[in-house]
Amino acid sequence: QVQLVESGGGLVQPGGSLRLSCAASRSIFSISVMAWYRQAPGKQRELVATITSDGRTNYADSAKGRFTISKDNAKNTMYLQMNSLKPEDTAVYFCNAWNSKSYWGQGTQVTVSS
């Protein structure tokens, strides 16, 4: 089992940057896939980016070229660097870990507005 805690959300102006963190309660070294999802008001939760245990990454089209997913196994933490933020990036961002079972964090709010 693993507990996940997101942080780093907030209010940012369009074009700005934020870095989200997802701290895990145990080692993430062997977790098969970790991911960031987001859910905007009135919309379904959508996948933003994934990273595998060996560091392979994948991005939703909306995130390509602007967001970077990474992880630090020594710190048991996954990150999402978000640049060139747009109002449509406004959502609650959730951390997910999948290792035979899916685990979720509680989410962190990101608001992009002038």
PDB file of N, CA and C in Angstrom:
ATOM      1  N   GLN A   1       0.829  -1.172   0.000  1.00  0.00           N
ATOM      2  CA  GLN A   1       0.000   0.000   0.000  1.00  0.00           C
ATOM      3  C   GLN A   1       0.883   1.248   0.000  1.00  0.00           C
ATOM      4  N   VAL A   2       0.346   2.337  -0.558  1.00  0.00           N
ATOM      5  CA  VAL A   2       1.110   3.579  -0.591  1.00  0.00           C
ATOM      6  C   VAL A   2       0.165   4.753  -0.466  1.00  0.00           C
ATOM      7  N   GLN A   3       0.537   5.717   0.372  1.00  0.00           N
ATOM      8  CA  GLN A   3      -0.214   6.970   0.479  1.00  0.00           C
ATOM      9  C   GLN A   3       0.502   8.030  -0.339  1.00  0.00           C
ATOM     10  N   LEU A   4      -0.283   8.864  -1.014  1.00  0.00           N
ATOM     11  CA  LEU A   4       0.246   9.890  -1.889  1.00  0.00           C
ATOM     12  C   LEU A   4      -0.272  11.251  -1.450  1.00  0.00           C
ATOM     13  N   VAL A   5       0.613  12.235  -1.400  1.00  0.00           N
ATOM     14  CA  VAL A   5       0.230  13.589  -1.003  1.00  0.00           C
ATOM     15  C   VAL A   5       0.768  14.577  -2.021  1.00  0.00           C
ATOM     16  N   GLU A   6      -0.157  15.292  -2.685  1.00  0.00           N
ATOM     17  CA  GLU A   6       0.229  16.301  -3.655  1.00  0.00           C
ATOM     18  C   GLU A   6       0.430  17.656  -2.981  1.00  0.00           C
ATOM     19  N   SER A   7       1.275  18.470  -3.589  1.00  0.00           N
ATOM     20  CA  SER A   7       1.480  19.843  -3.151  1.00  0.00           C
ATOM     21  C   SER A   7       1.979  20.656  -4.328  1.00  0.00           C
ATOM     22  N   GLY A   8       1.975  21.980  -4.145  1.00  0.00           N
ATOM     23  CA  GLY A   8       2.525  22.854  -5.167  1.00  0.00           C
ATOM     24  C   GLY A   8       1.511  23.580  -6.022  1.00  0.00           C
ATOM     25  N   GLY A   9       0.243  23.278  -5.818  1.00  0.00           N
ATOM     26  CA  GLY A   9      -0.768  23.979  -6.586  1.00  0.00           C
ATOM     27  C   GLY A   9      -0.923  25.417  -6.120  1.00  0.00           C
ATOM     28  N   GLY A  10      -1.723  26.175  -6.877  1.00  0.00           N
ATOM     29  CA  GLY A  10      -1.958  27.566  -6.509  1.00  0.00           C
ATOM     30  C   GLY A  10      -2.521  28.351  -7.654  1.00  0.00           C
ATOM     31  N   LEU A  11      -2.497  29.670  -7.481  1.00  0.00           N
ATOM     32  CA  LEU A  11      -2.988  30.588  -8.499  1.00  0.00           C
ATOM     33  C   LEU A  11      -1.805  31.150  -9.273  1.00  0.00           C
ATOM     34  N   VAL A  12      -1.884  31.077 -10.588  1.00  0.00           N
ATOM     35  CA  VAL A  12      -0.800  31.574 -11.429  1.00  0.00           C
ATOM     36  C   VAL A  12      -1.413  32.274 -12.640  1.00  0.00           C
ATOM     37  N   GLN A  13      -0.709  33.264 -13.154  1.00  0.00           N
ATOM     38  CA  GLN A  13      -1.188  33.981 -14.330  1.00  0.00           C
ATOM     39  C   GLN A  13      -0.924  33.182 -15.600  1.00  0.00           C
ATOM     40  N   PRO A  14      -1.703  33.399 -16.628  1.00  0.00           N
ATOM     41  CA  PRO A  14      -1.433  32.732 -17.910  1.00  0.00           C
ATOM     42  C   PRO A  14       0.007  32.982 -18.350  1.00  0.00           C
ATOM     43  N   GLY A  15       0.637  31.922 -18.840  1.00  0.00           N
ATOM     44  CA  GLY A  15       2.037  31.998 -19.236  1.00  0.00           C
ATOM     45  C   GLY A  15       3.006  31.659 -18.121  1.00  0.00           C
ATOM     46  N   GLY A  16       2.495  31.541 -16.913  1.00  0.00           N
ATOM     47  CA  GLY A  16       3.353  31.247 -15.772  1.00  0.00           C
ATOM     48  C   GLY A  16       3.658  29.769 -15.622  1.00  0.00           C
ATOM     49  N   SER A  17       4.365  29.451 -14.534  1.00  0.00           N
ATOM     50  CA  SER A  17       4.812  28.088 -14.289  1.00  0.00           C
ATOM     51  C   SER A  17       4.483  27.666 -12.863  1.00  0.00           C
ATOM     52  N   LEU A  18       4.311  26.367 -12.692  1.00  0.00           N
ATOM     53  CA  LEU A  18       4.160  25.751 -11.383  1.00  0.00           C
ATOM     54  C   LEU A  18       4.836  24.395 -11.410  1.00  0.00           C
ATOM     55  N   ARG A  19       5.307  23.963 -10.250  1.00  0.00           N
ATOM     56  CA  ARG A  19       5.810  22.592 -10.130  1.00  0.00           C
ATOM     57  C   ARG A  19       5.019  21.883  -9.046  1.00  0.00           C
ATOM     58  N   LEU A  20       4.348  20.824  -9.450  1.00  0.00           N
ATOM     59  CA  LEU A  20       3.609  20.005  -8.507  1.00  0.00           C
ATOM     60  C   LEU A  20       4.493  18.880  -8.007  1.00  0.00           C
ATOM     61  N   SER A  21       4.279  18.510  -6.762  1.00  0.00           N
ATOM     62  CA  SER A  21       4.998  17.384  -6.166  1.00  0.00           C
ATOM     63  C   SER A  21       4.011  16.351  -5.655  1.00  0.00           C
ATOM     64  N   CYS A  22       4.417  15.110  -5.692  1.00  0.00           N
ATOM     65  CA  CYS A  22       3.621  14.001  -5.172  1.00  0.00           C
ATOM     66  C   CYS A  22       4.548  13.169  -4.292  1.00  0.00           C
ATOM     67  N   ALA A  23       4.365  13.294  -2.993  1.00  0.00           N
ATOM     68  CA  ALA A  23       5.206  12.569  -2.051  1.00  0.00           C
ATOM     69  C   ALA A  23       4.545  11.247  -1.675  1.00  0.00           C
ATOM     70  N   ALA A  24       5.297  10.177  -1.776  1.00  0.00           N
ATOM     71  CA  ALA A  24       4.787   8.841  -1.462  1.00  0.00           C
ATOM     72  C   ALA A  24       5.253   8.399  -0.082  1.00  0.00           C
ATOM     73  N   SER A  25       4.455   7.530   0.516  1.00  0.00           N
ATOM     74  CA  SER A  25       4.747   7.076   1.881  1.00  0.00           C
ATOM     75  C   SER A  25       5.790   5.966   1.926  1.00  0.00           C
ATOM     76  N   ARG A  26       6.132   5.441   0.764  1.00  0.00           N
ATOM     77  CA  ARG A  26       7.159   4.397   0.713  1.00  0.00           C
ATOM     78  C   ARG A  26       7.924   4.532  -0.594  1.00  0.00           C
ATOM     79  N   SER A  27       8.875   3.669  -0.789  1.00  0.00           N
ATOM     80  CA  SER A  27       9.701   3.714  -1.989  1.00  0.00           C
ATOM     81  C   SER A  27       8.858   3.615  -3.256  1.00  0.00           C
ATOM     82  N   ILE A  28       9.189   4.484  -4.223  1.00  0.00           N
ATOM     83  CA  ILE A  28       8.499   4.449  -5.514  1.00  0.00           C
ATOM     84  C   ILE A  28       9.341   3.770  -6.582  1.00  0.00           C
ATOM     85  N   PHE A  29      10.488   3.288  -6.189  1.00  0.00           N
ATOM     86  CA  PHE A  29      11.439   2.719  -7.157  1.00  0.00           C
ATOM     87  C   PHE A  29      10.804   1.626  -8.008  1.00  0.00           C
ATOM     88  N   SER A  30      10.016   0.777  -7.381  1.00  0.00           N
ATOM     89  CA  SER A  30       9.469  -0.379  -8.095  1.00  0.00           C
ATOM     90  C   SER A  30       8.008  -0.210  -8.508  1.00  0.00           C
ATOM     91  N   ILE A  31       7.453   0.967  -8.291  1.00  0.00           N
ATOM     92  CA  ILE A  31       6.062   1.181  -8.713  1.00  0.00           C
ATOM     93  C   ILE A  31       5.999   1.190 -10.232  1.00  0.00           C
ATOM     94  N   SER A  32       5.135   0.376 -10.788  1.00  0.00           N
ATOM     95  CA  SER A  32       5.111   0.155 -12.232  1.00  0.00           C
ATOM     96  C   SER A  32       4.896   1.448 -13.020  1.00  0.00           C
ATOM     97  N   VAL A  33       3.858   2.179 -12.666  1.00  0.00           N
ATOM     98  CA  VAL A  33       3.535   3.410 -13.371  1.00  0.00           C
ATOM     99  C   VAL A  33       3.043   4.435 -12.362  1.00  0.00           C
ATOM    100  N   MET A  34       3.539   5.637 -12.485  1.00  0.00           N
ATOM    101  CA  MET A  34       2.992   6.765 -11.737  1.00  0.00           C
ATOM    102  C   MET A  34       2.494   7.790 -12.747  1.00  0.00           C
ATOM    103  N   ALA A  35       1.482   8.544 -12.329  1.00  0.00           N
ATOM    104  CA  ALA A  35       0.854   9.435 -13.298  1.00  0.00           C
ATOM    105  C   ALA A  35       0.268  10.667 -12.622  1.00  0.00           C
ATOM    106  N   TRP A  36       0.070  11.673 -13.432  1.00  0.00           N
ATOM    107  CA  TRP A  36      -0.699  12.854 -13.041  1.00  0.00           C
ATOM    108  C   TRP A  36      -1.986  12.867 -13.871  1.00  0.00           C
ATOM    109  N   TYR A  37      -3.083  13.094 -13.167  1.00  0.00           N
ATOM    110  CA  TYR A  37      -4.385  13.295 -13.790  1.00  0.00           C
ATOM    111  C   TYR A  37      -4.885  14.682 -13.372  1.00  0.00           C
ATOM    112  N   ARG A  38      -5.889  15.157 -14.069  1.00  0.00           N
ATOM    113  CA  ARG A  38      -6.531  16.397 -13.660  1.00  0.00           C
ATOM    114  C   ARG A  38      -8.026  16.319 -13.927  1.00  0.00           C
ATOM    115  N   GLN A  39      -8.762  17.105 -13.148  1.00  0.00           N
ATOM    116  CA  GLN A  39     -10.203  17.164 -13.315  1.00  0.00           C
ATOM    117  C   GLN A  39     -10.668  18.601 -13.176  1.00  0.00           C
ATOM    118  N   ALA A  40     -11.186  19.120 -14.264  1.00  0.00           N
ATOM    119  CA  ALA A  40     -11.733  20.468 -14.268  1.00  0.00           C
ATOM    120  C   ALA A  40     -13.200  20.414 -13.847  1.00  0.00           C
ATOM    121  N   PRO A  41     -13.743  21.533 -13.354  1.00  0.00           N
ATOM    122  CA  PRO A  41     -15.148  21.540 -12.931  1.00  0.00           C
ATOM    123  C   PRO A  41     -16.081  21.091 -14.051  1.00  0.00           C
ATOM    124  N   GLY A  42     -16.948  20.146 -13.728  1.00  0.00           N
ATOM    125  CA  GLY A  42     -17.925  19.665 -14.694  1.00  0.00           C
ATOM    126  C   GLY A  42     -17.387  18.734 -15.751  1.00  0.00           C
ATOM    127  N   LYS A  43     -16.117  18.361 -15.619  1.00  0.00           N
ATOM    128  CA  LYS A  43     -15.508  17.482 -16.629  1.00  0.00           C
ATOM    129  C   LYS A  43     -15.000  16.197 -15.990  1.00  0.00           C
ATOM    130  N   GLN A  44     -14.758  15.212 -16.837  1.00  0.00           N
ATOM    131  CA  GLN A  44     -14.219  13.946 -16.353  1.00  0.00           C
ATOM    132  C   GLN A  44     -12.733  14.086 -16.052  1.00  0.00           C
ATOM    133  N   ARG A  45     -12.254  13.237 -15.159  1.00  0.00           N
ATOM    134  CA  ARG A  45     -10.826  13.211 -14.861  1.00  0.00           C
ATOM    135  C   ARG A  45     -10.087  12.729 -16.108  1.00  0.00           C
ATOM    136  N   GLU A  46      -8.993  13.399 -16.433  1.00  0.00           N
ATOM    137  CA  GLU A  46      -8.219  13.040 -17.616  1.00  0.00           C
ATOM    138  C   GLU A  46      -6.752  12.858 -17.279  1.00  0.00           C
ATOM    139  N   LEU A  47      -6.133  11.979 -18.050  1.00  0.00           N
ATOM    140  CA  LEU A  47      -4.717  11.694 -17.877  1.00  0.00           C
ATOM    141  C   LEU A  47      -3.886  12.842 -18.440  1.00  0.00           C
ATOM    142  N   VAL A  48      -2.873  13.250 -17.674  1.00  0.00           N
ATOM    143  CA  VAL A  48      -1.977  14.315 -18.125  1.00  0.00           C
ATOM    144  C   VAL A  48      -0.633  13.747 -18.571  1.00  0.00           C
ATOM    145  N   ALA A  49      -0.034  12.908 -17.726  1.00  0.00           N
ATOM    146  CA  ALA A  49       1.291  12.364 -18.032  1.00  0.00           C
ATOM    147  C   ALA A  49       1.542  11.131 -17.190  1.00  0.00           C
ATOM    148  N   THR A  50       2.398  10.255 -17.714  1.00  0.00           N
ATOM    149  CA  THR A  50       2.777   9.040 -16.989  1.00  0.00           C
ATOM    150  C   THR A  50       4.285   8.874 -16.996  1.00  0.00           C
ATOM    151  N   ILE A  51       4.774   8.145 -15.997  1.00  0.00           N
ATOM    152  CA  ILE A  51       6.187   7.782 -15.948  1.00  0.00           C
ATOM    153  C   ILE A  51       6.283   6.367 -15.397  1.00  0.00           C
ATOM    154  N   THR A  52       7.059   5.524 -16.069  1.00  0.00           N
ATOM    155  CA  THR A  52       7.180   4.136 -15.652  1.00  0.00           C
ATOM    156  C   THR A  52       8.325   3.965 -14.659  1.00  0.00           C
ATOM    157  N   SER A  53       8.440   2.767 -14.141  1.00  0.00           N
ATOM    158  CA  SER A  53       9.489   2.501 -13.156  1.00  0.00           C
ATOM    159  C   SER A  53      10.883   2.723 -13.739  1.00  0.00           C
ATOM    160  N   ASP A  54      11.022   2.519 -15.053  1.00  0.00           N
ATOM    161  CA  ASP A  54      12.338   2.734 -15.677  1.00  0.00           C
ATOM    162  C   ASP A  54      12.466   4.100 -16.332  1.00  0.00           C
ATOM    163  N   GLY A  55      11.520   4.992 -16.010  1.00  0.00           N
ATOM    164  CA  GLY A  55      11.666   6.380 -16.420  1.00  0.00           C
ATOM    165  C   GLY A  55      11.078   6.771 -17.763  1.00  0.00           C
ATOM    166  N   ARG A  56      10.400   5.853 -18.422  1.00  0.00           N
ATOM    167  CA  ARG A  56       9.770   6.222 -19.690  1.00  0.00           C
ATOM    168  C   ARG A  56       8.548   7.106 -19.418  1.00  0.00           C
ATOM    169  N   THR A  57       8.402   8.140 -20.242  1.00  0.00           N
ATOM    170  CA  THR A  57       7.322   9.102 -20.029  1.00  0.00           C
ATOM    171  C   THR A  57       6.378   9.155 -21.218  1.00  0.00           C
ATOM    172  N   ASN A  58       5.170   9.607 -20.924  1.00  0.00           N
ATOM    173  CA  ASN A  58       4.172   9.786 -21.973  1.00  0.00           C
ATOM    174  C   ASN A  58       3.277  10.936 -21.555  1.00  0.00           C
ATOM    175  N   TYR A  59       2.788  11.681 -22.556  1.00  0.00           N
ATOM    176  CA  TYR A  59       2.022  12.888 -22.264  1.00  0.00           C
ATOM    177  C   TYR A  59       0.747  12.940 -23.090  1.00  0.00           C
ATOM    178  N   ALA A  60      -0.275  13.542 -22.493  1.00  0.00           N
ATOM    179  CA  ALA A  60      -1.459  13.882 -23.260  1.00  0.00           C
ATOM    180  C   ALA A  60      -1.077  14.975 -24.257  1.00  0.00           C
ATOM    181  N   ASP A  61      -1.803  15.051 -25.343  1.00  0.00           N
ATOM    182  CA  ASP A  61      -1.500  16.063 -26.359  1.00  0.00           C
ATOM    183  C   ASP A  61      -1.518  17.466 -25.753  1.00  0.00           C
ATOM    184  N   SER A  62      -2.410  17.701 -24.808  1.00  0.00           N
ATOM    185  CA  SER A  62      -2.540  19.033 -24.202  1.00  0.00           C
ATOM    186  C   SER A  62      -1.329  19.407 -23.363  1.00  0.00           C
ATOM    187  N   ALA A  63      -0.531  18.406 -22.963  1.00  0.00           N
ATOM    188  CA  ALA A  63       0.615  18.640 -22.089  1.00  0.00           C
ATOM    189  C   ALA A  63       1.953  18.628 -22.837  1.00  0.00           C
ATOM    190  N   LYS A  64       1.950  18.060 -24.021  1.00  0.00           N
ATOM    191  CA  LYS A  64       3.209  17.920 -24.765  1.00  0.00           C
ATOM    192  C   LYS A  64       3.855  19.270 -25.030  1.00  0.00           C
ATOM    193  N   GLY A  65       5.141  19.355 -24.748  1.00  0.00           N
ATOM    194  CA  GLY A  65       5.892  20.569 -25.007  1.00  0.00           C
ATOM    195  C   GLY A  65       5.803  21.609 -23.909  1.00  0.00           C
ATOM    196  N   ARG A  66       4.882  21.424 -22.961  1.00  0.00           N
ATOM    197  CA  ARG A  66       4.716  22.402 -21.877  1.00  0.00           C
ATOM    198  C   ARG A  66       4.958  21.788 -20.496  1.00  0.00           C
ATOM    199  N   PHE A  67       4.573  20.537 -20.326  1.00  0.00           N
ATOM    200  CA  PHE A  67       4.688  19.870 -19.023  1.00  0.00           C
ATOM    201  C   PHE A  67       5.790  18.821 -19.067  1.00  0.00           C
ATOM    202  N   THR A  68       6.444  18.620 -17.921  1.00  0.00           N
ATOM    203  CA  THR A  68       7.456  17.583 -17.801  1.00  0.00           C
ATOM    204  C   THR A  68       7.217  16.792 -16.525  1.00  0.00           C
ATOM    205  N   ILE A  69       7.059  15.491 -16.687  1.00  0.00           N
ATOM    206  CA  ILE A  69       6.900  14.600 -15.528  1.00  0.00           C
ATOM    207  C   ILE A  69       8.259  14.004 -15.194  1.00  0.00           C
ATOM    208  N   SER A  70       8.535  13.884 -13.909  1.00  0.00           N
ATOM    209  CA  SER A  70       9.800  13.296 -13.480  1.00  0.00           C
ATOM    210  C   SER A  70       9.601  12.696 -12.097  1.00  0.00           C
ATOM    211  N   LYS A  71      10.602  11.973 -11.641  1.00  0.00           N
ATOM    212  CA  LYS A  71      10.541  11.423 -10.287  1.00  0.00           C
ATOM    213  C   LYS A  71      11.933  11.324  -9.704  1.00  0.00           C
ATOM    214  N   ASP A  72      11.984  11.392  -8.391  1.00  0.00           N
ATOM    215  CA  ASP A  72      13.224  11.237  -7.650  1.00  0.00           C
ATOM    216  C   ASP A  72      13.025  10.054  -6.715  1.00  0.00           C
ATOM    217  N   ASN A  73      13.560   8.921  -7.110  1.00  0.00           N
ATOM    218  CA  ASN A  73      13.350   7.709  -6.301  1.00  0.00           C
ATOM    219  C   ASN A  73      13.935   7.851  -4.895  1.00  0.00           C
ATOM    220  N   ALA A  74      15.018   8.579  -4.783  1.00  0.00           N
ATOM    221  CA  ALA A  74      15.652   8.739  -3.466  1.00  0.00           C
ATOM    222  C   ALA A  74      14.767   9.533  -2.508  1.00  0.00           C
ATOM    223  N   LYS A  75      13.935  10.409  -3.063  1.00  0.00           N
ATOM    224  CA  LYS A  75      13.045  11.219  -2.237  1.00  0.00           C
ATOM    225  C   LYS A  75      11.617  10.688  -2.231  1.00  0.00           C
ATOM    226  N   ASN A  76      11.391   9.586  -2.935  1.00  0.00           N
ATOM    227  CA  ASN A  76      10.038   9.007  -3.023  1.00  0.00           C
ATOM    228  C   ASN A  76       9.028  10.038  -3.511  1.00  0.00           C
ATOM    229  N   THR A  77       9.427  10.826  -4.476  1.00  0.00           N
ATOM    230  CA  THR A  77       8.599  11.944  -4.926  1.00  0.00           C
ATOM    231  C   THR A  77       8.556  12.015  -6.451  1.00  0.00           C
ATOM    232  N   MET A  78       7.353  12.287  -6.952  1.00  0.00           N
ATOM    233  CA  MET A  78       7.153  12.513  -8.369  1.00  0.00           C
ATOM    234  C   MET A  78       6.805  13.988  -8.565  1.00  0.00           C
ATOM    235  N   TYR A  79       7.151  14.509  -9.736  1.00  0.00           N
ATOM    236  CA  TYR A  79       6.939  15.937 -10.002  1.00  0.00           C
ATOM    237  C   TYR A  79       6.206  16.133 -11.332  1.00  0.00           C
ATOM    238  N   LEU A  80       5.591  17.294 -11.442  1.00  0.00           N
ATOM    239  CA  LEU A  80       5.054  17.748 -12.721  1.00  0.00           C
ATOM    240  C   LEU A  80       5.419  19.212 -12.861  1.00  0.00           C
ATOM    241  N   GLN A  81       6.367  19.483 -13.742  1.00  0.00           N
ATOM    242  CA  GLN A  81       6.732  20.857 -14.060  1.00  0.00           C
ATOM    243  C   GLN A  81       5.803  21.349 -15.159  1.00  0.00           C
ATOM    244  N   MET A  82       5.091  22.412 -14.874  1.00  0.00           N
ATOM    245  CA  MET A  82       4.124  22.948 -15.830  1.00  0.00           C
ATOM    246  C   MET A  82       4.536  24.354 -16.230  1.00  0.00           C
ATOM    247  N   ASN A  83       4.803  24.544 -17.507  1.00  0.00           N
ATOM    248  CA  ASN A  83       5.200  25.841 -18.051  1.00  0.00           C
ATOM    249  C   ASN A  83       4.143  26.332 -19.045  1.00  0.00           C
ATOM    250  N   SER A  84       4.216  27.595 -19.352  1.00  0.00           N
ATOM    251  CA  SER A  84       3.298  28.207 -20.337  1.00  0.00           C
ATOM    252  C   SER A  84       1.848  27.848 -20.018  1.00  0.00           C
ATOM    253  N   LEU A  85       1.490  28.028 -18.785  1.00  0.00           N
ATOM    254  CA  LEU A  85       0.157  27.620 -18.341  1.00  0.00           C
ATOM    255  C   LEU A  85      -0.935  28.456 -18.998  1.00  0.00           C
ATOM    256  N   LYS A  86      -2.060  27.791 -19.250  1.00  0.00           N
ATOM    257  CA  LYS A  86      -3.210  28.414 -19.899  1.00  0.00           C
ATOM    258  C   LYS A  86      -4.424  28.316 -18.970  1.00  0.00           C
ATOM    259  N   PRO A  87      -5.395  29.187 -19.157  1.00  0.00           N
ATOM    260  CA  PRO A  87      -6.610  29.094 -18.321  1.00  0.00           C
ATOM    261  C   PRO A  87      -7.256  27.709 -18.376  1.00  0.00           C
ATOM    262  N   GLU A  88      -7.171  27.052 -19.523  1.00  0.00           N
ATOM    263  CA  GLU A  88      -7.773  25.720 -19.645  1.00  0.00           C
ATOM    264  C   GLU A  88      -7.014  24.640 -18.878  1.00  0.00           C
ATOM    265  N   ASP A  89      -5.869  24.986 -18.298  1.00  0.00           N
ATOM    266  CA  ASP A  89      -5.158  24.045 -17.419  1.00  0.00           C
ATOM    267  C   ASP A  89      -5.720  24.069 -15.994  1.00  0.00           C
ATOM    268  N   THR A  90      -6.628  24.983 -15.736  1.00  0.00           N
ATOM    269  CA  THR A  90      -7.240  25.063 -14.417  1.00  0.00           C
ATOM    270  C   THR A  90      -7.977  23.776 -14.083  1.00  0.00           C
ATOM    271  N   ALA A  91      -7.615  23.174 -12.955  1.00  0.00           N
ATOM    272  CA  ALA A  91      -8.189  21.888 -12.559  1.00  0.00           C
ATOM    273  C   ALA A  91      -7.615  21.482 -11.213  1.00  0.00           C
ATOM    274  N   VAL A  92      -8.199  20.442 -10.658  1.00  0.00           N
ATOM    275  CA  VAL A  92      -7.565  19.760  -9.532  1.00  0.00           C
ATOM    276  C   VAL A  92      -6.663  18.680 -10.120  1.00  0.00           C
ATOM    277  N   TYR A  93      -5.427  18.679  -9.710  1.00  0.00           N
ATOM    278  CA  TYR A  93      -4.448  17.729 -10.220  1.00  0.00           C
ATOM    279  C   TYR A  93      -4.227  16.624  -9.186  1.00  0.00           C
ATOM    280  N   PHE A  94      -4.318  15.398  -9.673  1.00  0.00           N
ATOM    281  CA  PHE A  94      -4.206  14.220  -8.819  1.00  0.00           C
ATOM    282  C   PHE A  94      -2.991  13.388  -9.202  1.00  0.00           C
ATOM    283  N   CYS A  95      -2.371  12.854  -8.186  1.00  0.00           N
ATOM    284  CA  CYS A  95      -1.265  11.919  -8.354  1.00  0.00           C
ATOM    285  C   CYS A  95      -1.820  10.503  -8.287  1.00  0.00           C
ATOM    286  N   ASN A  96      -1.298   9.635  -9.119  1.00  0.00           N
ATOM    287  CA  ASN A  96      -1.740   8.232  -9.136  1.00  0.00           C
ATOM    288  C   ASN A  96      -0.532   7.311  -9.209  1.00  0.00           C
ATOM    289  N   ALA A  97      -0.647   6.207  -8.501  1.00  0.00           N
ATOM    290  CA  ALA A  97       0.386   5.160  -8.578  1.00  0.00           C
ATOM    291  C   ALA A  97      -0.307   3.834  -8.838  1.00  0.00           C
ATOM    292  N   TRP A  98       0.236   3.089  -9.773  1.00  0.00           N
ATOM    293  CA  TRP A  98      -0.350   1.781 -10.108  1.00  0.00           C
ATOM    294  C   TRP A  98       0.716   0.710  -9.947  1.00  0.00           C
ATOM    295  N   ASN A  99       0.392  -0.250  -9.075  1.00  0.00           N
ATOM    296  CA  ASN A  99       1.307  -1.362  -8.839  1.00  0.00           C
ATOM    297  C   ASN A  99       0.457  -2.554  -8.444  1.00  0.00           C
ATOM    298  N   SER A 100      -0.242  -3.121  -9.402  1.00  0.00           N
ATOM    299  CA  SER A 100      -1.247  -4.165  -9.213  1.00  0.00           C
ATOM    300  C   SER A 100      -2.536  -3.604  -8.621  1.00  0.00           C
ATOM    301  N   LYS A 101      -2.454  -2.418  -8.067  1.00  0.00           N
ATOM    302  CA  LYS A 101      -3.616  -1.729  -7.510  1.00  0.00           C
ATOM    303  C   LYS A 101      -3.392  -0.245  -7.710  1.00  0.00           C
ATOM    304  N   SER A 102      -4.485   0.504  -7.831  1.00  0.00           N
ATOM    305  CA  SER A 102      -4.371   1.927  -8.087  1.00  0.00           C
ATOM    306  C   SER A 102      -4.514   2.721  -6.789  1.00  0.00           C
ATOM    307  N   TYR A 103      -3.616   3.691  -6.621  1.00  0.00           N
ATOM    308  CA  TYR A 103      -3.647   4.544  -5.446  1.00  0.00           C
ATOM    309  C   TYR A 103      -3.736   6.000  -5.897  1.00  0.00           C
ATOM    310  N   TRP A 104      -4.480   6.802  -5.130  1.00  0.00           N
ATOM    311  CA  TRP A 104      -4.694   8.202  -5.482  1.00  0.00           C
ATOM    312  C   TRP A 104      -4.352   9.125  -4.318  1.00  0.00           C
ATOM    313  N   GLY A 105      -3.869  10.308  -4.668  1.00  0.00           N
ATOM    314  CA  GLY A 105      -3.737  11.366  -3.692  1.00  0.00           C
ATOM    315  C   GLY A 105      -5.037  12.138  -3.587  1.00  0.00           C
ATOM    316  N   GLN A 106      -5.024  13.169  -2.744  1.00  0.00           N
ATOM    317  CA  GLN A 106      -6.243  13.927  -2.486  1.00  0.00           C
ATOM    318  C   GLN A 106      -6.433  15.082  -3.476  1.00  0.00           C
ATOM    319  N   GLY A 107      -5.389  15.398  -4.219  1.00  0.00           N
ATOM    320  CA  GLY A 107      -5.469  16.436  -5.235  1.00  0.00           C
ATOM    321  C   GLY A 107      -4.962  17.782  -4.764  1.00  0.00           C
ATOM    322  N   THR A 108      -4.526  18.582  -5.721  1.00  0.00           N
ATOM    323  CA  THR A 108      -4.096  19.949  -5.440  1.00  0.00           C
ATOM    324  C   THR A 108      -4.665  20.858  -6.537  1.00  0.00           C
ATOM    325  N   GLN A 109      -5.195  21.989  -6.115  1.00  0.00           N
ATOM    326  CA  GLN A 109      -5.874  22.892  -7.045  1.00  0.00           C
ATOM    327  C   GLN A 109      -4.873  23.757  -7.797  1.00  0.00           C
ATOM    328  N   VAL A 110      -5.025  23.801  -9.090  1.00  0.00           N
ATOM    329  CA  VAL A 110      -4.255  24.711  -9.947  1.00  0.00           C
ATOM    330  C   VAL A 110      -5.251  25.641 -10.640  1.00  0.00           C
ATOM    331  N   THR A 111      -5.048  26.936 -10.461  1.00  0.00           N
ATOM    332  CA  THR A 111      -5.912  27.927 -11.088  1.00  0.00           C
ATOM    333  C   THR A 111      -5.054  28.869 -11.919  1.00  0.00           C
ATOM    334  N   VAL A 112      -5.361  28.953 -13.197  1.00  0.00           N
ATOM    335  CA  VAL A 112      -4.633  29.824 -14.111  1.00  0.00           C
ATOM    336  C   VAL A 112      -5.573  30.955 -14.516  1.00  0.00           C
ATOM    337  N   SER A 113      -5.261  32.131 -14.028  1.00  0.00           N
ATOM    338  CA  SER A 113      -6.155  33.265 -14.255  1.00  0.00           C
ATOM    339  C   SER A 113      -5.405  34.567 -14.079  1.00  0.00           C
ATOM    340  N   SER A 114      -5.826  35.573 -14.836  1.00  0.00           N
ATOM    341  CA  SER A 114      -5.238  36.892 -14.682  1.00  0.00           C
ATOM    342  C   SER A 114      -6.072  37.736 -13.724  1.00  0.00           C
TER     343      SER A 114
END
